[in-house]
mmCIF file of all heavy atoms, coordinates in Angstrom:
data_MODEL
# 
_entry.id   MODEL 
# 
loop_
_atom_site.group_PDB 
_atom_site.id 
_atom_site.type_symbol 
_atom_site.label_atom_id 
_atom_site.label_alt_id 
_atom_site.label_comp_id 
_atom_site.label_asym_id 
_atom_site.label_entity_id 
_atom_site.label_seq_id 
_atom_site.pdbx_PDB_ins_code 
_atom_site.Cartn_x 
_atom_site.Cartn_y 
_atom_site.Cartn_z 
_atom_site.occupancy 
_atom_site.B_iso_or_equiv 
_atom_site.pdbx_formal_charge 
_atom_site.auth_seq_id 
_atom_site.auth_comp_id 
_atom_site.auth_asym_id 
_atom_site.auth_atom_id 
_atom_site.pdbx_PDB_model_num 
ATOM 1   N N   . LEU A 1 1  ? -6.009 3.869   -6.714  1.00 0.00 ? 1  LEU A N   1 
ATOM 2   C CA  . LEU A 1 1  ? -4.786 3.454   -6.009  1.00 0.00 ? 1  LEU A CA  1 
ATOM 3   C C   . LEU A 1 1  ? -3.768 4.666   -5.993  1.00 0.00 ? 1  LEU A C   1 
ATOM 4   O O   . LEU A 1 1  ? -3.091 4.829   -4.879  1.00 0.00 ? 1  LEU A O   1 
ATOM 5   C CB  . LEU A 1 1  ? -4.208 2.284   -6.558  1.00 0.00 ? 1  LEU A CB  1 
ATOM 6   C CG  . LEU A 1 1  ? -4.836 0.987   -6.404  1.00 0.00 ? 1  LEU A CG  1 
ATOM 7   C CD1 . LEU A 1 1  ? -4.111 -0.196  -7.042  1.00 0.00 ? 1  LEU A CD1 1 
ATOM 8   C CD2 . LEU A 1 1  ? -4.923 0.633   -4.808  1.00 0.00 ? 1  LEU A CD2 1 
ATOM 9   N N   . ILE A 1 2  ? -3.666 5.383   -6.869  1.00 0.00 ? 2  ILE A N   1 
ATOM 10  C CA  . ILE A 1 2  ? -2.768 6.539   -6.919  1.00 0.00 ? 2  ILE A CA  1 
ATOM 11  C C   . ILE A 1 2  ? -3.286 7.550   -5.886  1.00 0.00 ? 2  ILE A C   1 
ATOM 12  O O   . ILE A 1 2  ? -2.417 8.055   -5.016  1.00 0.00 ? 2  ILE A O   1 
ATOM 13  C CB  . ILE A 1 2  ? -2.796 7.284   -8.255  1.00 0.00 ? 2  ILE A CB  1 
ATOM 14  C CG1 . ILE A 1 2  ? -2.144 6.306   -9.306  1.00 0.00 ? 2  ILE A CG1 1 
ATOM 15  C CG2 . ILE A 1 2  ? -2.070 8.628   -8.216  1.00 0.00 ? 2  ILE A CG2 1 
ATOM 16  C CD1 . ILE A 1 2  ? -2.306 6.743   -10.708 1.00 0.00 ? 2  ILE A CD1 1 
ATOM 17  N N   . GLY A 1 3  ? -4.587 7.768   -5.744  1.00 0.00 ? 3  GLY A N   1 
ATOM 18  C CA  . GLY A 1 3  ? -5.064 8.617   -4.697  1.00 0.00 ? 3  GLY A CA  1 
ATOM 19  C C   . GLY A 1 3  ? -4.809 8.014   -3.302  1.00 0.00 ? 3  GLY A C   1 
ATOM 20  O O   . GLY A 1 3  ? -4.471 8.672   -2.368  1.00 0.00 ? 3  GLY A O   1 
ATOM 21  N N   . TRP A 1 4  ? -5.099 6.632   -3.230  1.00 0.00 ? 4  TRP A N   1 
ATOM 22  C CA  . TRP A 1 4  ? -4.968 6.028   -1.971  1.00 0.00 ? 4  TRP A CA  1 
ATOM 23  C C   . TRP A 1 4  ? -3.530 6.029   -1.477  1.00 0.00 ? 4  TRP A C   1 
ATOM 24  O O   . TRP A 1 4  ? -3.143 6.205   -0.253  1.00 0.00 ? 4  TRP A O   1 
ATOM 25  C CB  . TRP A 1 4  ? -5.422 4.618   -2.065  1.00 0.00 ? 4  TRP A CB  1 
ATOM 26  C CG  . TRP A 1 4  ? -5.181 3.654   -0.877  1.00 0.00 ? 4  TRP A CG  1 
ATOM 27  C CD1 . TRP A 1 4  ? -4.556 2.496   -0.820  1.00 0.00 ? 4  TRP A CD1 1 
ATOM 28  C CD2 . TRP A 1 4  ? -5.633 3.811   0.449   1.00 0.00 ? 4  TRP A CD2 1 
ATOM 29  N NE1 . TRP A 1 4  ? -4.492 1.974   0.388   1.00 0.00 ? 4  TRP A NE1 1 
ATOM 30  C CE2 . TRP A 1 4  ? -5.217 2.702   1.212   1.00 0.00 ? 4  TRP A CE2 1 
ATOM 31  C CE3 . TRP A 1 4  ? -6.388 4.788   1.092   1.00 0.00 ? 4  TRP A CE3 1 
ATOM 32  C CZ2 . TRP A 1 4  ? -5.445 2.523   2.609   1.00 0.00 ? 4  TRP A CZ2 1 
ATOM 33  C CZ3 . TRP A 1 4  ? -6.607 4.663   2.547   1.00 0.00 ? 4  TRP A CZ3 1 
ATOM 34  C CH2 . TRP A 1 4  ? -6.172 3.578   3.240   1.00 0.00 ? 4  TRP A CH2 1 
ATOM 35  N N   . LEU A 1 5  ? -2.450 5.864   -2.369  1.00 0.00 ? 5  LEU A N   1 
ATOM 36  C CA  . LEU A 1 5  ? -1.124 5.929   -1.930  1.00 0.00 ? 5  LEU A CA  1 
ATOM 37  C C   . LEU A 1 5  ? -0.648 7.313   -1.481  1.00 0.00 ? 5  LEU A C   1 
ATOM 38  O O   . LEU A 1 5  ? 0.222  7.342   -0.669  1.00 0.00 ? 5  LEU A O   1 
ATOM 39  C CB  . LEU A 1 5  ? -0.175 5.560   -3.240  1.00 0.00 ? 5  LEU A CB  1 
ATOM 40  C CG  . LEU A 1 5  ? -0.357 4.045   -3.516  1.00 0.00 ? 5  LEU A CG  1 
ATOM 41  C CD1 . LEU A 1 5  ? 0.250  3.802   -4.908  1.00 0.00 ? 5  LEU A CD1 1 
ATOM 42  C CD2 . LEU A 1 5  ? 0.469  3.255   -2.400  1.00 0.00 ? 5  LEU A CD2 1 
ATOM 43  N N   . ARG A 1 6  ? -1.324 8.449   -1.950  1.00 0.00 ? 6  ARG A N   1 
ATOM 44  C CA  . ARG A 1 6  ? -1.026 9.690   -1.411  1.00 0.00 ? 6  ARG A CA  1 
ATOM 45  C C   . ARG A 1 6  ? -1.368 9.872   0.027   1.00 0.00 ? 6  ARG A C   1 
ATOM 46  O O   . ARG A 1 6  ? -0.701 10.731  0.763   1.00 0.00 ? 6  ARG A O   1 
ATOM 47  C CB  . ARG A 1 6  ? -1.689 10.778  -2.251  1.00 0.00 ? 6  ARG A CB  1 
ATOM 48  C CG  . ARG A 1 6  ? -1.215 10.897  -3.700  1.00 0.00 ? 6  ARG A CG  1 
ATOM 49  C CD  . ARG A 1 6  ? -1.644 12.127  -4.381  1.00 0.00 ? 6  ARG A CD  1 
ATOM 50  N NE  . ARG A 1 6  ? -1.397 12.126  -5.788  1.00 0.00 ? 6  ARG A NE  1 
ATOM 51  C CZ  . ARG A 1 6  ? -2.302 12.065  -6.718  1.00 0.00 ? 6  ARG A CZ  1 
ATOM 52  N NH1 . ARG A 1 6  ? -3.624 11.795  -6.461  1.00 0.00 ? 6  ARG A NH1 1 
ATOM 53  N NH2 . ARG A 1 6  ? -1.908 11.957  -8.053  1.00 0.00 ? 6  ARG A NH2 1 
ATOM 54  N N   . ARG A 1 7  ? -2.398 9.075   0.479   1.00 0.00 ? 7  ARG A N   1 
ATOM 55  C CA  . ARG A 1 7  ? -2.817 9.273   1.881   1.00 0.00 ? 7  ARG A CA  1 
ATOM 56  C C   . ARG A 1 7  ? -2.646 7.868   2.618   1.00 0.00 ? 7  ARG A C   1 
ATOM 57  O O   . ARG A 1 7  ? -3.402 7.702   3.666   1.00 0.00 ? 7  ARG A O   1 
ATOM 58  C CB  . ARG A 1 7  ? -4.236 9.716   1.937   1.00 0.00 ? 7  ARG A CB  1 
ATOM 59  C CG  . ARG A 1 7  ? -5.273 8.851   1.242   1.00 0.00 ? 7  ARG A CG  1 
ATOM 60  C CD  . ARG A 1 7  ? -6.638 9.535   1.282   1.00 0.00 ? 7  ARG A CD  1 
ATOM 61  N NE  . ARG A 1 7  ? -7.689 8.704   0.819   1.00 0.00 ? 7  ARG A NE  1 
ATOM 62  C CZ  . ARG A 1 7  ? -8.046 8.430   -0.451  1.00 0.00 ? 7  ARG A CZ  1 
ATOM 63  N NH1 . ARG A 1 7  ? -7.353 9.014   -1.411  1.00 0.00 ? 7  ARG A NH1 1 
ATOM 64  N NH2 . ARG A 1 7  ? -8.951 7.582   -0.742  1.00 0.00 ? 7  ARG A NH2 1 
ATOM 65  N N   . TYR A 1 8  ? -1.786 7.035   2.142   1.00 0.00 ? 8  TYR A N   1 
ATOM 66  C CA  . TYR A 1 8  ? -1.546 5.764   2.761   1.00 0.00 ? 8  TYR A CA  1 
ATOM 67  C C   . TYR A 1 8  ? -1.335 5.906   4.260   1.00 0.00 ? 8  TYR A C   1 
ATOM 68  O O   . TYR A 1 8  ? -0.294 6.609   4.602   1.00 0.00 ? 8  TYR A O   1 
ATOM 69  C CB  . TYR A 1 8  ? -0.522 4.997   2.054   1.00 0.00 ? 8  TYR A CB  1 
ATOM 70  C CG  . TYR A 1 8  ? -0.503 3.419   2.345   1.00 0.00 ? 8  TYR A CG  1 
ATOM 71  C CD1 . TYR A 1 8  ? -1.422 2.634   1.628   1.00 0.00 ? 8  TYR A CD1 1 
ATOM 72  C CD2 . TYR A 1 8  ? 0.415  2.844   3.171   1.00 0.00 ? 8  TYR A CD2 1 
ATOM 73  C CE1 . TYR A 1 8  ? -1.468 1.270   1.917   1.00 0.00 ? 8  TYR A CE1 1 
ATOM 74  C CE2 . TYR A 1 8  ? 0.328  1.586   3.479   1.00 0.00 ? 8  TYR A CE2 1 
ATOM 75  C CZ  . TYR A 1 8  ? -0.577 0.794   2.740   1.00 0.00 ? 8  TYR A CZ  1 
ATOM 76  O OH  . TYR A 1 8  ? -0.519 -0.621  2.977   1.00 0.00 ? 8  TYR A OH  1 
ATOM 77  N N   . PRO A 1 9  ? -2.048 5.316   5.178   1.00 0.00 ? 9  PRO A N   1 
ATOM 78  C CA  . PRO A 1 9  ? -1.860 5.377   6.684   1.00 0.00 ? 9  PRO A CA  1 
ATOM 79  C C   . PRO A 1 9  ? -0.530 5.074   7.008   1.00 0.00 ? 9  PRO A C   1 
ATOM 80  O O   . PRO A 1 9  ? 0.212  4.115   6.587   1.00 0.00 ? 9  PRO A O   1 
ATOM 81  C CB  . PRO A 1 9  ? -2.943 4.432   7.097   1.00 0.00 ? 9  PRO A CB  1 
ATOM 82  C CG  . PRO A 1 9  ? -3.963 4.214   6.082   1.00 0.00 ? 9  PRO A CG  1 
ATOM 83  C CD  . PRO A 1 9  ? -3.205 4.352   4.805   1.00 0.00 ? 9  PRO A CD  1 
ATOM 84  N N   . GLU A 1 10 ? 0.046  5.839   7.960   1.00 0.00 ? 10 GLU A N   1 
ATOM 85  C CA  . GLU A 1 10 ? 1.441  5.731   8.352   1.00 0.00 ? 10 GLU A CA  1 
ATOM 86  C C   . GLU A 1 10 ? 1.757  4.281   8.943   1.00 0.00 ? 10 GLU A C   1 
ATOM 87  O O   . GLU A 1 10 ? 2.912  3.753   8.675   1.00 0.00 ? 10 GLU A O   1 
ATOM 88  C CB  . GLU A 1 10 ? 1.737  6.760   9.477   1.00 0.00 ? 10 GLU A CB  1 
ATOM 89  C CG  . GLU A 1 10 ? 3.162  6.736   9.833   1.00 0.00 ? 10 GLU A CG  1 
ATOM 90  C CD  . GLU A 1 10 ? 3.504  7.882   10.825  1.00 0.00 ? 10 GLU A CD  1 
ATOM 91  O OE1 . GLU A 1 10 ? 2.570  8.772   11.082  1.00 0.00 ? 10 GLU A OE1 1 
ATOM 92  O OE2 . GLU A 1 10 ? 4.617  7.868   11.435  1.00 0.00 ? 10 GLU A OE2 1 
ATOM 93  N N   . HIS A 1 11 ? 0.828  3.718   9.542   1.00 0.00 ? 11 HIS A N   1 
ATOM 94  C CA  . HIS A 1 11 ? 1.144  2.417   10.302  1.00 0.00 ? 11 HIS A CA  1 
ATOM 95  C C   . HIS A 1 11 ? 0.537  1.208   9.528   1.00 0.00 ? 11 HIS A C   1 
ATOM 96  O O   . HIS A 1 11 ? 0.314  0.172   10.077  1.00 0.00 ? 11 HIS A O   1 
ATOM 97  C CB  . HIS A 1 11 ? 0.668  2.402   11.742  1.00 0.00 ? 11 HIS A CB  1 
ATOM 98  C CG  . HIS A 1 11 ? 1.406  3.381   12.571  1.00 0.00 ? 11 HIS A CG  1 
ATOM 99  N ND1 . HIS A 1 11 ? 2.720  3.361   12.730  1.00 0.00 ? 11 HIS A ND1 1 
ATOM 100 C CD2 . HIS A 1 11 ? 1.041  4.602   13.146  1.00 0.00 ? 11 HIS A CD2 1 
ATOM 101 C CE1 . HIS A 1 11 ? 3.163  4.496   13.524  1.00 0.00 ? 11 HIS A CE1 1 
ATOM 102 N NE2 . HIS A 1 11 ? 2.117  5.158   13.702  1.00 0.00 ? 11 HIS A NE2 1 
ATOM 103 N N   . ALA A 1 12 ? -0.017 1.427   8.251   1.00 0.00 ? 12 ALA A N   1 
ATOM 104 C CA  . ALA A 1 12 ? -0.561 0.377   7.500   1.00 0.00 ? 12 ALA A CA  1 
ATOM 105 C C   . ALA A 1 12 ? 0.581  -0.606  6.994   1.00 0.00 ? 12 ALA A C   1 
ATOM 106 O O   . ALA A 1 12 ? 1.729  -0.123  6.906   1.00 0.00 ? 12 ALA A O   1 
ATOM 107 C CB  . ALA A 1 12 ? -1.312 0.963   6.340   1.00 0.00 ? 12 ALA A CB  1 
ATOM 108 N N   . PRO A 1 13 ? 0.261  -1.730  6.623   1.00 0.00 ? 13 PRO A N   1 
ATOM 109 C CA  . PRO A 1 13 ? 1.296  -2.699  6.238   1.00 0.00 ? 13 PRO A CA  1 
ATOM 110 C C   . PRO A 1 13 ? 2.074  -2.338  4.940   1.00 0.00 ? 13 PRO A C   1 
ATOM 111 O O   . PRO A 1 13 ? 1.513  -1.644  4.074   1.00 0.00 ? 13 PRO A O   1 
ATOM 112 C CB  . PRO A 1 13 ? 0.443  -4.016  5.987   1.00 0.00 ? 13 PRO A CB  1 
ATOM 113 C CG  . PRO A 1 13 ? -0.818 -3.819  6.770   1.00 0.00 ? 13 PRO A CG  1 
ATOM 114 C CD  . PRO A 1 13 ? -1.057 -2.392  6.663   1.00 0.00 ? 13 PRO A CD  1 
ATOM 115 N N   . TYR A 1 14 ? 3.238  -2.907  4.987   1.00 0.00 ? 14 TYR A N   1 
ATOM 116 C CA  . TYR A 1 14 ? 4.096  -2.623  3.751   1.00 0.00 ? 14 TYR A CA  1 
ATOM 117 C C   . TYR A 1 14 ? 4.247  -3.939  2.920   1.00 0.00 ? 14 TYR A C   1 
ATOM 118 O O   . TYR A 1 14 ? 4.902  -3.911  1.845   1.00 0.00 ? 14 TYR A O   1 
ATOM 119 C CB  . TYR A 1 14 ? 5.537  -2.180  4.174   1.00 0.00 ? 14 TYR A CB  1 
ATOM 120 C CG  . TYR A 1 14 ? 6.326  -3.233  4.808   1.00 0.00 ? 14 TYR A CG  1 
ATOM 121 C CD1 . TYR A 1 14 ? 7.181  -4.038  3.980   1.00 0.00 ? 14 TYR A CD1 1 
ATOM 122 C CD2 . TYR A 1 14 ? 6.410  -3.485  6.109   1.00 0.00 ? 14 TYR A CD2 1 
ATOM 123 C CE1 . TYR A 1 14 ? 8.032  -5.093  4.554   1.00 0.00 ? 14 TYR A CE1 1 
ATOM 124 C CE2 . TYR A 1 14 ? 7.230  -4.468  6.702   1.00 0.00 ? 14 TYR A CE2 1 
ATOM 125 C CZ  . TYR A 1 14 ? 7.943  -5.225  5.916   1.00 0.00 ? 14 TYR A CZ  1 
ATOM 126 O OH  . TYR A 1 14 ? 8.803  -6.339  6.409   1.00 0.00 ? 14 TYR A OH  1 
ATOM 127 N N   . ASP A 1 15 ? 3.772  -5.096  3.420   1.00 0.00 ? 15 ASP A N   1 
ATOM 128 C CA  . ASP A 1 15 ? 4.097  -6.321  2.888   1.00 0.00 ? 15 ASP A CA  1 
ATOM 129 C C   . ASP A 1 15 ? 3.326  -6.598  1.538   1.00 0.00 ? 15 ASP A C   1 
ATOM 130 O O   . ASP A 1 15 ? 2.648  -5.880  0.996   1.00 0.00 ? 15 ASP A O   1 
ATOM 131 C CB  . ASP A 1 15 ? 3.709  -7.415  3.812   1.00 0.00 ? 15 ASP A CB  1 
ATOM 132 C CG  . ASP A 1 15 ? 2.342  -7.588  4.245   1.00 0.00 ? 15 ASP A CG  1 
ATOM 133 O OD1 . ASP A 1 15 ? 1.517  -6.555  4.036   1.00 0.00 ? 15 ASP A OD1 1 
ATOM 134 O OD2 . ASP A 1 15 ? 1.849  -8.662  4.643   1.00 0.00 ? 15 ASP A OD2 1 
ATOM 135 N N   . LEU A 1 16 ? 3.685  -7.918  1.074   1.00 0.00 ? 16 LEU A N   1 
ATOM 136 C CA  . LEU A 1 16 ? 3.025  -8.298  -0.230  1.00 0.00 ? 16 LEU A CA  1 
ATOM 137 C C   . LEU A 1 16 ? 1.604  -8.763  -0.084  1.00 0.00 ? 16 LEU A C   1 
ATOM 138 O O   . LEU A 1 16 ? 0.715  -8.446  -0.865  1.00 0.00 ? 16 LEU A O   1 
ATOM 139 C CB  . LEU A 1 16 ? 3.858  -9.501  -0.721  1.00 0.00 ? 16 LEU A CB  1 
ATOM 140 C CG  . LEU A 1 16 ? 3.345  -10.375 -1.923  1.00 0.00 ? 16 LEU A CG  1 
ATOM 141 C CD1 . LEU A 1 16 ? 3.128  -9.482  -3.160  1.00 0.00 ? 16 LEU A CD1 1 
ATOM 142 C CD2 . LEU A 1 16 ? 4.292  -11.539 -2.342  1.00 0.00 ? 16 LEU A CD2 1 
ATOM 143 N N   . ILE A 1 17 ? 1.295  -9.479  0.991   1.00 0.00 ? 17 ILE A N   1 
ATOM 144 C CA  . ILE A 1 17 ? -0.058 -10.074 1.175   1.00 0.00 ? 17 ILE A CA  1 
ATOM 145 C C   . ILE A 1 17 ? -1.056 -8.844  1.443   1.00 0.00 ? 17 ILE A C   1 
ATOM 146 O O   . ILE A 1 17 ? -2.123 -8.830  0.680   1.00 0.00 ? 17 ILE A O   1 
ATOM 147 C CB  . ILE A 1 17 ? -0.150 -11.043 2.268   1.00 0.00 ? 17 ILE A CB  1 
ATOM 148 C CG1 . ILE A 1 17 ? 0.755  -12.226 1.951   1.00 0.00 ? 17 ILE A CG1 1 
ATOM 149 C CG2 . ILE A 1 17 ? -1.581 -11.476 2.581   1.00 0.00 ? 17 ILE A CG2 1 
ATOM 150 C CD1 . ILE A 1 17 ? 0.182  -13.196 0.983   1.00 0.00 ? 17 ILE A CD1 1 
ATOM 151 N N   . ASN A 1 18 ? -0.861 -8.040  2.276   1.00 0.00 ? 18 ASN A N   1 
ATOM 152 C CA  . ASN A 1 18 ? -1.775 -7.037  2.752   1.00 0.00 ? 18 ASN A CA  1 
ATOM 153 C C   . ASN A 1 18 ? -1.438 -5.504  2.358   1.00 0.00 ? 18 ASN A C   1 
ATOM 154 O O   . ASN A 1 18 ? -2.290 -4.657  2.455   1.00 0.00 ? 18 ASN A O   1 
ATOM 155 C CB  . ASN A 1 18 ? -2.046 -7.205  4.204   1.00 0.00 ? 18 ASN A CB  1 
ATOM 156 C CG  . ASN A 1 18 ? -2.702 -8.468  4.658   1.00 0.00 ? 18 ASN A CG  1 
ATOM 157 O OD1 . ASN A 1 18 ? -3.653 -8.914  3.998   1.00 0.00 ? 18 ASN A OD1 1 
ATOM 158 N ND2 . ASN A 1 18 ? -2.051 -9.168  5.561   1.00 0.00 ? 18 ASN A ND2 1 
ATOM 159 N N   . GLY A 1 19 ? -0.262 -5.252  2.038   1.00 0.00 ? 19 GLY A N   1 
ATOM 160 C CA  . GLY A 1 19 ? 0.259  -3.855  2.100   1.00 0.00 ? 19 GLY A CA  1 
ATOM 161 C C   . GLY A 1 19 ? 0.846  -3.289  0.740   1.00 0.00 ? 19 GLY A C   1 
ATOM 162 O O   . GLY A 1 19 ? 0.463  -3.785  -0.362  1.00 0.00 ? 19 GLY A O   1 
ATOM 163 N N   . LEU A 1 20 ? 1.766  -2.511  0.886   1.00 0.00 ? 20 LEU A N   1 
ATOM 164 C CA  . LEU A 1 20 ? 2.290  -1.628  -0.218  1.00 0.00 ? 20 LEU A CA  1 
ATOM 165 C C   . LEU A 1 20 ? 2.872  -2.433  -1.218  1.00 0.00 ? 20 LEU A C   1 
ATOM 166 O O   . LEU A 1 20 ? 2.712  -2.146  -2.540  1.00 0.00 ? 20 LEU A O   1 
ATOM 167 C CB  . LEU A 1 20 ? 3.421  -0.644  0.351   1.00 0.00 ? 20 LEU A CB  1 
ATOM 168 C CG  . LEU A 1 20 ? 2.970  0.509   1.091   1.00 0.00 ? 20 LEU A CG  1 
ATOM 169 C CD1 . LEU A 1 20 ? 4.037  1.097   1.886   1.00 0.00 ? 20 LEU A CD1 1 
ATOM 170 C CD2 . LEU A 1 20 ? 2.235  1.545   0.215   1.00 0.00 ? 20 LEU A CD2 1 
ATOM 171 N N   . THR A 1 21 ? 3.638  -3.535  -0.831  1.00 0.00 ? 21 THR A N   1 
ATOM 172 C CA  . THR A 1 21 ? 4.343  -4.294  -1.981  1.00 0.00 ? 21 THR A CA  1 
ATOM 173 C C   . THR A 1 21 ? 3.335  -5.037  -2.801  1.00 0.00 ? 21 THR A C   1 
ATOM 174 O O   . THR A 1 21 ? 3.556  -5.166  -4.116  1.00 0.00 ? 21 THR A O   1 
ATOM 175 C CB  . THR A 1 21 ? 5.259  -5.407  -1.252  1.00 0.00 ? 21 THR A CB  1 
ATOM 176 O OG1 . THR A 1 21 ? 6.105  -4.746  -0.354  1.00 0.00 ? 21 THR A OG1 1 
ATOM 177 C CG2 . THR A 1 21 ? 6.051  -6.156  -2.309  1.00 0.00 ? 21 THR A CG2 1 
ATOM 178 N N   . GLY A 1 22 ? 2.215  -5.449  -2.217  1.00 0.00 ? 22 GLY A N   1 
ATOM 179 C CA  . GLY A 1 22 ? 1.090  -5.989  -3.082  1.00 0.00 ? 22 GLY A CA  1 
ATOM 180 C C   . GLY A 1 22 ? 0.572  -5.039  -4.061  1.00 0.00 ? 22 GLY A C   1 
ATOM 181 O O   . GLY A 1 22 ? 0.311  -5.367  -5.202  1.00 0.00 ? 22 GLY A O   1 
ATOM 182 N N   . LEU A 1 23 ? 0.443  -3.740  -3.602  1.00 0.00 ? 23 LEU A N   1 
ATOM 183 C CA  . LEU A 1 23 ? 0.021  -2.802  -4.567  1.00 0.00 ? 23 LEU A CA  1 
ATOM 184 C C   . LEU A 1 23 ? 1.065  -2.571  -5.729  1.00 0.00 ? 23 LEU A C   1 
ATOM 185 O O   . LEU A 1 23 ? 0.666  -2.174  -6.867  1.00 0.00 ? 23 LEU A O   1 
ATOM 186 C CB  . LEU A 1 23 ? -0.232 -1.381  -3.880  1.00 0.00 ? 23 LEU A CB  1 
ATOM 187 C CG  . LEU A 1 23 ? -1.254 -1.330  -2.772  1.00 0.00 ? 23 LEU A CG  1 
ATOM 188 C CD1 . LEU A 1 23 ? -1.536 -0.033  -2.161  1.00 0.00 ? 23 LEU A CD1 1 
ATOM 189 C CD2 . LEU A 1 23 ? -2.663 -1.980  -3.203  1.00 0.00 ? 23 LEU A CD2 1 
ATOM 190 N N   . GLY A 1 24 ? 2.286  -2.712  -5.324  1.00 0.00 ? 24 GLY A N   1 
ATOM 191 C CA  . GLY A 1 24 ? 3.294  -2.702  -6.303  1.00 0.00 ? 24 GLY A CA  1 
ATOM 192 C C   . GLY A 1 24 ? 3.203  -3.728  -7.351  1.00 0.00 ? 24 GLY A C   1 
ATOM 193 O O   . GLY A 1 24 ? 3.536  -3.657  -8.565  1.00 0.00 ? 24 GLY A O   1 
ATOM 194 N N   . VAL A 1 25 ? 2.818  -4.971  -6.903  1.00 0.00 ? 25 VAL A N   1 
ATOM 195 C CA  . VAL A 1 25 ? 2.576  -6.054  -7.828  1.00 0.00 ? 25 VAL A CA  1 
ATOM 196 C C   . VAL A 1 25 ? 1.611  -5.795  -8.812  1.00 0.00 ? 25 VAL A C   1 
ATOM 197 O O   . VAL A 1 25 ? 1.755  -6.107  -9.965  1.00 0.00 ? 25 VAL A O   1 
ATOM 198 C CB  . VAL A 1 25 ? 2.386  -7.374  -7.047  1.00 0.00 ? 25 VAL A CB  1 
ATOM 199 C CG1 . VAL A 1 25 ? 1.866  -8.446  -7.926  1.00 0.00 ? 25 VAL A CG1 1 
ATOM 200 C CG2 . VAL A 1 25 ? 3.650  -7.845  -6.333  1.00 0.00 ? 25 VAL A CG2 1 
ATOM 201 N N   . TYR A 1 26 ? 0.441  -5.358  -8.380  1.00 0.00 ? 26 TYR A N   1 
ATOM 202 C CA  . TYR A 1 26 ? -0.620 -4.819  -9.239  1.00 0.00 ? 26 TYR A CA  1 
ATOM 203 C C   . TYR A 1 26 ? -0.010 -3.874  -10.383 1.00 0.00 ? 26 TYR A C   1 
ATOM 204 O O   . TYR A 1 26 ? -0.377 -4.014  -11.475 1.00 0.00 ? 26 TYR A O   1 
ATOM 205 C CB  . TYR A 1 26 ? -1.793 -4.245  -8.544  1.00 0.00 ? 26 TYR A CB  1 
ATOM 206 C CG  . TYR A 1 26 ? -2.716 -3.549  -9.371  1.00 0.00 ? 26 TYR A CG  1 
ATOM 207 C CD1 . TYR A 1 26 ? -3.663 -4.188  -10.175 1.00 0.00 ? 26 TYR A CD1 1 
ATOM 208 C CD2 . TYR A 1 26 ? -2.618 -2.185  -9.557  1.00 0.00 ? 26 TYR A CD2 1 
ATOM 209 C CE1 . TYR A 1 26 ? -4.509 -3.538  -11.055 1.00 0.00 ? 26 TYR A CE1 1 
ATOM 210 C CE2 . TYR A 1 26 ? -3.577 -1.468  -10.379 1.00 0.00 ? 26 TYR A CE2 1 
ATOM 211 C CZ  . TYR A 1 26 ? -4.361 -2.163  -11.153 1.00 0.00 ? 26 TYR A CZ  1 
ATOM 212 O OH  . TYR A 1 26 ? -5.284 -1.455  -12.018 1.00 0.00 ? 26 TYR A OH  1 
# 
């Protein structure tokens, strides 16, 4: 996930269910 976050696609979701916020919950 650390590697994935460095190259996270610009238009990928930010939300809890599918996106960045969900990665933050993990």
